[in-house]
Amino acid sequence: MLLLKLGSIAIVPVIYSVVLGEDAFFDRMRVQGELSKMLFLTFYVTVLFFHIL
């Protein structure tokens, strides 16, 4: 079950990159690296929290 959750977490950045386009996605990750990490972490924690509930 945990492995399934981790797998779904790994897919999220791929979806983001497809939606934004590869170049736009990687530019944003470079420019806002730390901010993006924080946003992704917050999103993951929220998703996991609601999955646990």
PDB file of N, CA and C in Angstrom:
ATOM      1  N   MET A   1       0.838  -1.206   0.000  1.00  0.00           N
ATOM      2  CA  MET A   1       0.000   0.000   0.000  1.00  0.00           C
ATOM      3  C   MET A   1       0.870   1.251   0.000  1.00  0.00           C
ATOM      4  N   LEU A   2       1.876   1.259   0.879  1.00  0.00           N
ATOM      5  CA  LEU A   2       2.797   2.397   0.950  1.00  0.00           C
ATOM      6  C   LEU A   2       3.540   2.556  -0.369  1.00  0.00           C
ATOM      7  N   LEU A   3       3.938   1.415  -0.957  1.00  0.00           N
ATOM      8  CA  LEU A   3       4.651   1.451  -2.238  1.00  0.00           C
ATOM      9  C   LEU A   3       3.779   2.076  -3.322  1.00  0.00           C
ATOM     10  N   LEU A   4       2.490   1.762  -3.301  1.00  0.00           N
ATOM     11  CA  LEU A   4       1.550   2.339  -4.264  1.00  0.00           C
ATOM     12  C   LEU A   4       1.470   3.849  -4.092  1.00  0.00           C
ATOM     13  N   LYS A   5       1.424   4.318  -2.841  1.00  0.00           N
ATOM     14  CA  LYS A   5       1.383   5.758  -2.567  1.00  0.00           C
ATOM     15  C   LYS A   5       2.654   6.437  -3.059  1.00  0.00           C
ATOM     16  N   LEU A   6       3.811   5.827  -2.792  1.00  0.00           N
ATOM     17  CA  LEU A   6       5.083   6.397  -3.241  1.00  0.00           C
ATOM     18  C   LEU A   6       5.142   6.439  -4.761  1.00  0.00           C
ATOM     19  N   GLY A   7       4.600   5.420  -5.403  1.00  0.00           N
ATOM     20  CA  GLY A   7       4.564   5.389  -6.865  1.00  0.00           C
ATOM     21  C   GLY A   7       3.707   6.510  -7.431  1.00  0.00           C
ATOM     22  N   SER A   8       2.551   6.742  -6.807  1.00  0.00           N
ATOM     23  CA  SER A   8       1.672   7.816  -7.281  1.00  0.00           C
ATOM     24  C   SER A   8       2.313   9.175  -7.041  1.00  0.00           C
ATOM     25  N   ILE A   9       3.086   9.303  -5.955  1.00  0.00           N
ATOM     26  CA  ILE A   9       3.810  10.548  -5.685  1.00  0.00           C
ATOM     27  C   ILE A   9       4.844  10.800  -6.777  1.00  0.00           C
ATOM     28  N   ALA A  10       5.538   9.752  -7.206  1.00  0.00           N
ATOM     29  CA  ALA A  10       6.584   9.894  -8.219  1.00  0.00           C
ATOM     30  C   ALA A  10       5.999  10.337  -9.561  1.00  0.00           C
ATOM     31  N   ILE A  11       4.732  10.014  -9.811  1.00  0.00           N
ATOM     32  CA  ILE A  11       4.099  10.345 -11.090  1.00  0.00           C
ATOM     33  C   ILE A  11       3.733  11.826 -11.180  1.00  0.00           C
ATOM     34  N   VAL A  12       3.471  12.467 -10.028  1.00  0.00           N
ATOM     35  CA  VAL A  12       2.991  13.860 -10.023  1.00  0.00           C
ATOM     36  C   VAL A  12       3.910  14.821 -10.781  1.00  0.00           C
ATOM     37  N   PRO A  13       5.240  14.835 -10.521  1.00  0.00           N
ATOM     38  CA  PRO A  13       6.101  15.746 -11.289  1.00  0.00           C
ATOM     39  C   PRO A  13       6.081  15.459 -12.787  1.00  0.00           C
ATOM     40  N   VAL A  14       5.895  14.194 -13.167  1.00  0.00           N
ATOM     41  CA  VAL A  14       5.811  13.839 -14.588  1.00  0.00           C
ATOM     42  C   VAL A  14       4.578  14.492 -15.207  1.00  0.00           C
ATOM     43  N   ILE A  15       3.450  14.438 -14.497  1.00  0.00           N
ATOM     44  CA  ILE A  15       2.217  15.081 -14.979  1.00  0.00           C
ATOM     45  C   ILE A  15       2.434  16.578 -15.119  1.00  0.00           C
ATOM     46  N   TYR A  16       3.066  17.187 -14.101  1.00  0.00           N
ATOM     47  CA  TYR A  16       3.373  18.618 -14.163  1.00  0.00           C
ATOM     48  C   TYR A  16       4.212  18.931 -15.395  1.00  0.00           C
ATOM     49  N   SER A  17       5.238  18.118 -15.648  1.00  0.00           N
ATOM     50  CA  SER A  17       6.136  18.395 -16.775  1.00  0.00           C
ATOM     51  C   SER A  17       5.398  18.264 -18.105  1.00  0.00           C
ATOM     52  N   VAL A  18       4.481  17.321 -18.206  1.00  0.00           N
ATOM     53  CA  VAL A  18       3.702  17.147 -19.440  1.00  0.00           C
ATOM     54  C   VAL A  18       2.754  18.325 -19.635  1.00  0.00           C
ATOM     55  N   VAL A  19       2.086  18.744 -18.556  1.00  0.00           N
ATOM     56  CA  VAL A  19       1.119  19.848 -18.645  1.00  0.00           C
ATOM     57  C   VAL A  19       1.814  21.162 -18.989  1.00  0.00           C
ATOM     58  N   LEU A  20       2.917  21.453 -18.299  1.00  0.00           N
ATOM     59  CA  LEU A  20       3.623  22.715 -18.510  1.00  0.00           C
ATOM     60  C   LEU A  20       4.500  22.691 -19.756  1.00  0.00           C
ATOM     61  N   GLY A  21       4.798  21.486 -20.251  1.00  0.00           N
ATOM     62  CA  GLY A  21       5.777  21.357 -21.326  1.00  0.00           C
ATOM     63  C   GLY A  21       7.147  21.165 -20.695  1.00  0.00           C
ATOM     64  N   GLU A  22       7.961  20.302 -21.277  1.00  0.00           N
ATOM     65  CA  GLU A  22       9.258  19.951 -20.690  1.00  0.00           C
ATOM     66  C   GLU A  22      10.112  21.177 -20.381  1.00  0.00           C
ATOM     67  N   ASP A  23      10.281  22.065 -21.364  1.00  0.00           N
ATOM     68  CA  ASP A  23      11.178  23.215 -21.193  1.00  0.00           C
ATOM     69  C   ASP A  23      10.682  24.141 -20.091  1.00  0.00           C
ATOM     70  N   ALA A  24       9.400  24.467 -20.138  1.00  0.00           N
ATOM     71  CA  ALA A  24       8.828  25.371 -19.135  1.00  0.00           C
ATOM     72  C   ALA A  24       8.969  24.769 -17.741  1.00  0.00           C
ATOM     73  N   PHE A  25       8.733  23.462 -17.640  1.00  0.00           N
ATOM     74  CA  PHE A  25       8.814  22.795 -16.342  1.00  0.00           C
ATOM     75  C   PHE A  25      10.225  22.880 -15.778  1.00  0.00           C
ATOM     76  N   PHE A  26      11.225  22.535 -16.587  1.00  0.00           N
ATOM     77  CA  PHE A  26      12.600  22.526 -16.083  1.00  0.00           C
ATOM     78  C   PHE A  26      13.119  23.937 -15.830  1.00  0.00           C
ATOM     79  N   ASP A  27      12.678  24.914 -16.634  1.00  0.00           N
ATOM     80  CA  ASP A  27      13.044  26.310 -16.355  1.00  0.00           C
ATOM     81  C   ASP A  27      12.509  26.734 -14.997  1.00  0.00           C
ATOM     82  N   ARG A  28      11.258  26.416 -14.730  1.00  0.00           N
ATOM     83  CA  ARG A  28      10.661  26.788 -13.448  1.00  0.00           C
ATOM     84  C   ARG A  28      11.373  26.099 -12.295  1.00  0.00           C
ATOM     85  N   MET A  29      11.744  24.835 -12.493  1.00  0.00           N
ATOM     86  CA  MET A  29      12.439  24.108 -11.432  1.00  0.00           C
ATOM     87  C   MET A  29      13.802  24.733 -11.162  1.00  0.00           C
ATOM     88  N   ARG A  30      14.472  25.206 -12.207  1.00  0.00           N
ATOM     89  CA  ARG A  30      15.774  25.852 -12.009  1.00  0.00           C
ATOM     90  C   ARG A  30      15.606  27.196 -11.321  1.00  0.00           C
ATOM     91  N   VAL A  31      14.688  28.018 -11.845  1.00  0.00           N
ATOM     92  CA  VAL A  31      14.517  29.378 -11.333  1.00  0.00           C
ATOM     93  C   VAL A  31      13.964  29.366  -9.913  1.00  0.00           C
ATOM     94  N   GLN A  32      12.966  28.534  -9.677  1.00  0.00           N
ATOM     95  CA  GLN A  32      12.303  28.511  -8.370  1.00  0.00           C
ATOM     96  C   GLN A  32      12.540  27.172  -7.682  1.00  0.00           C
ATOM     97  N   GLY A  33      13.764  26.682  -7.735  1.00  0.00           N
ATOM     98  CA  GLY A  33      14.066  25.347  -7.212  1.00  0.00           C
ATOM     99  C   GLY A  33      13.579  25.118  -5.801  1.00  0.00           C
ATOM    100  N   GLU A  34      13.981  26.001  -4.893  1.00  0.00           N
ATOM    101  CA  GLU A  34      13.617  25.815  -3.491  1.00  0.00           C
ATOM    102  C   GLU A  34      12.117  25.972  -3.277  1.00  0.00           C
ATOM    103  N   LEU A  35      11.538  26.991  -3.900  1.00  0.00           N
ATOM    104  CA  LEU A  35      10.100  27.223  -3.764  1.00  0.00           C
ATOM    105  C   LEU A  35       9.315  26.028  -4.297  1.00  0.00           C
ATOM    106  N   SER A  36       9.744  25.516  -5.446  1.00  0.00           N
ATOM    107  CA  SER A  36       9.057  24.371  -6.040  1.00  0.00           C
ATOM    108  C   SER A  36       9.133  23.159  -5.127  1.00  0.00           C
ATOM    109  N   LYS A  37      10.324  22.933  -4.539  1.00  0.00           N
ATOM    110  CA  LYS A  37      10.466  21.807  -3.609  1.00  0.00           C
ATOM    111  C   LYS A  37       9.492  21.944  -2.452  1.00  0.00           C
ATOM    112  N   MET A  38       9.401  23.149  -1.897  1.00  0.00           N
ATOM    113  CA  MET A  38       8.498  23.368  -0.773  1.00  0.00           C
ATOM    114  C   MET A  38       7.041  23.139  -1.186  1.00  0.00           C
ATOM    115  N   LEU A  39       6.678  23.639  -2.369  1.00  0.00           N
ATOM    116  CA  LEU A  39       5.303  23.463  -2.845  1.00  0.00           C
ATOM    117  C   LEU A  39       4.995  21.987  -3.078  1.00  0.00           C
ATOM    118  N   PHE A  40       5.927  21.271  -3.709  1.00  0.00           N
ATOM    119  CA  PHE A  40       5.722  19.844  -3.947  1.00  0.00           C
ATOM    120  C   PHE A  40       5.607  19.088  -2.627  1.00  0.00           C
ATOM    121  N   LEU A  41       6.518  19.393  -1.679  1.00  0.00           N
ATOM    122  CA  LEU A  41       6.478  18.711  -0.387  1.00  0.00           C
ATOM    123  C   LEU A  41       5.157  18.970   0.322  1.00  0.00           C
ATOM    124  N   THR A  42       4.712  20.218   0.304  1.00  0.00           N
ATOM    125  CA  THR A  42       3.437  20.558   0.941  1.00  0.00           C
ATOM    126  C   THR A  42       2.298  19.783   0.286  1.00  0.00           C
ATOM    127  N   PHE A  43       2.329  19.738  -1.047  1.00  0.00           N
ATOM    128  CA  PHE A  43       1.302  19.019  -1.795  1.00  0.00           C
ATOM    129  C   PHE A  43       1.318  17.530  -1.451  1.00  0.00           C
ATOM    130  N   TYR A  44       2.523  16.921  -1.431  1.00  0.00           N
ATOM    131  CA  TYR A  44       2.646  15.497  -1.120  1.00  0.00           C
ATOM    132  C   TYR A  44       2.134  15.192   0.271  1.00  0.00           C
ATOM    133  N   VAL A  45       2.543  16.024   1.245  1.00  0.00           N
ATOM    134  CA  VAL A  45       2.131  15.795   2.631  1.00  0.00           C
ATOM    135  C   VAL A  45       0.612  15.891   2.741  1.00  0.00           C
ATOM    136  N   THR A  46       0.031  16.871   2.070  1.00  0.00           N
ATOM    137  CA  THR A  46      -1.429  17.032   2.086  1.00  0.00           C
ATOM    138  C   THR A  46      -2.111  15.814   1.480  1.00  0.00           C
ATOM    139  N   VAL A  47      -1.615  15.368   0.324  1.00  0.00           N
ATOM    140  CA  VAL A  47      -2.201  14.203  -0.347  1.00  0.00           C
ATOM    141  C   VAL A  47      -2.082  12.963   0.535  1.00  0.00           C
ATOM    142  N   LEU A  48      -0.894  12.730   1.097  1.00  0.00           N
ATOM    143  CA  LEU A  48      -0.699  11.568   1.966  1.00  0.00           C
ATOM    144  C   LEU A  48      -1.592  11.649   3.193  1.00  0.00           C
ATOM    145  N   PHE A  49      -1.699  12.845   3.774  1.00  0.00           N
ATOM    146  CA  PHE A  49      -2.539  13.034   4.957  1.00  0.00           C
ATOM    147  C   PHE A  49      -3.978  12.627   4.657  1.00  0.00           C
ATOM    148  N   PHE A  50      -4.505  13.072   3.510  1.00  0.00           N
ATOM    149  CA  PHE A  50      -5.887  12.739   3.167  1.00  0.00           C
ATOM    150  C   PHE A  50      -6.035  11.278   2.753  1.00  0.00           C
ATOM    151  N   HIS A  51      -4.978  10.678   2.205  1.00  0.00           N
ATOM    152  CA  HIS A  51      -5.024   9.247   1.892  1.00  0.00           C
ATOM    153  C   HIS A  51      -5.086   8.421   3.162  1.00  0.00           C
ATOM    154  N   ILE A  52      -4.339   8.857   4.185  1.00  0.00           N
ATOM    155  CA  ILE A  52      -4.327   8.139   5.462  1.00  0.00           C
ATOM    156  C   ILE A  52      -5.698   8.235   6.122  1.00  0.00           C
ATOM    157  N   LEU A  53      -6.321   9.410   6.045  1.00  0.00           N
ATOM    158  CA  LEU A  53      -7.684   9.556   6.565  1.00  0.00           C
ATOM    159  C   LEU A  53      -8.636   8.735   5.697  1.00  0.00           C
TER     160      LEU A  53
END
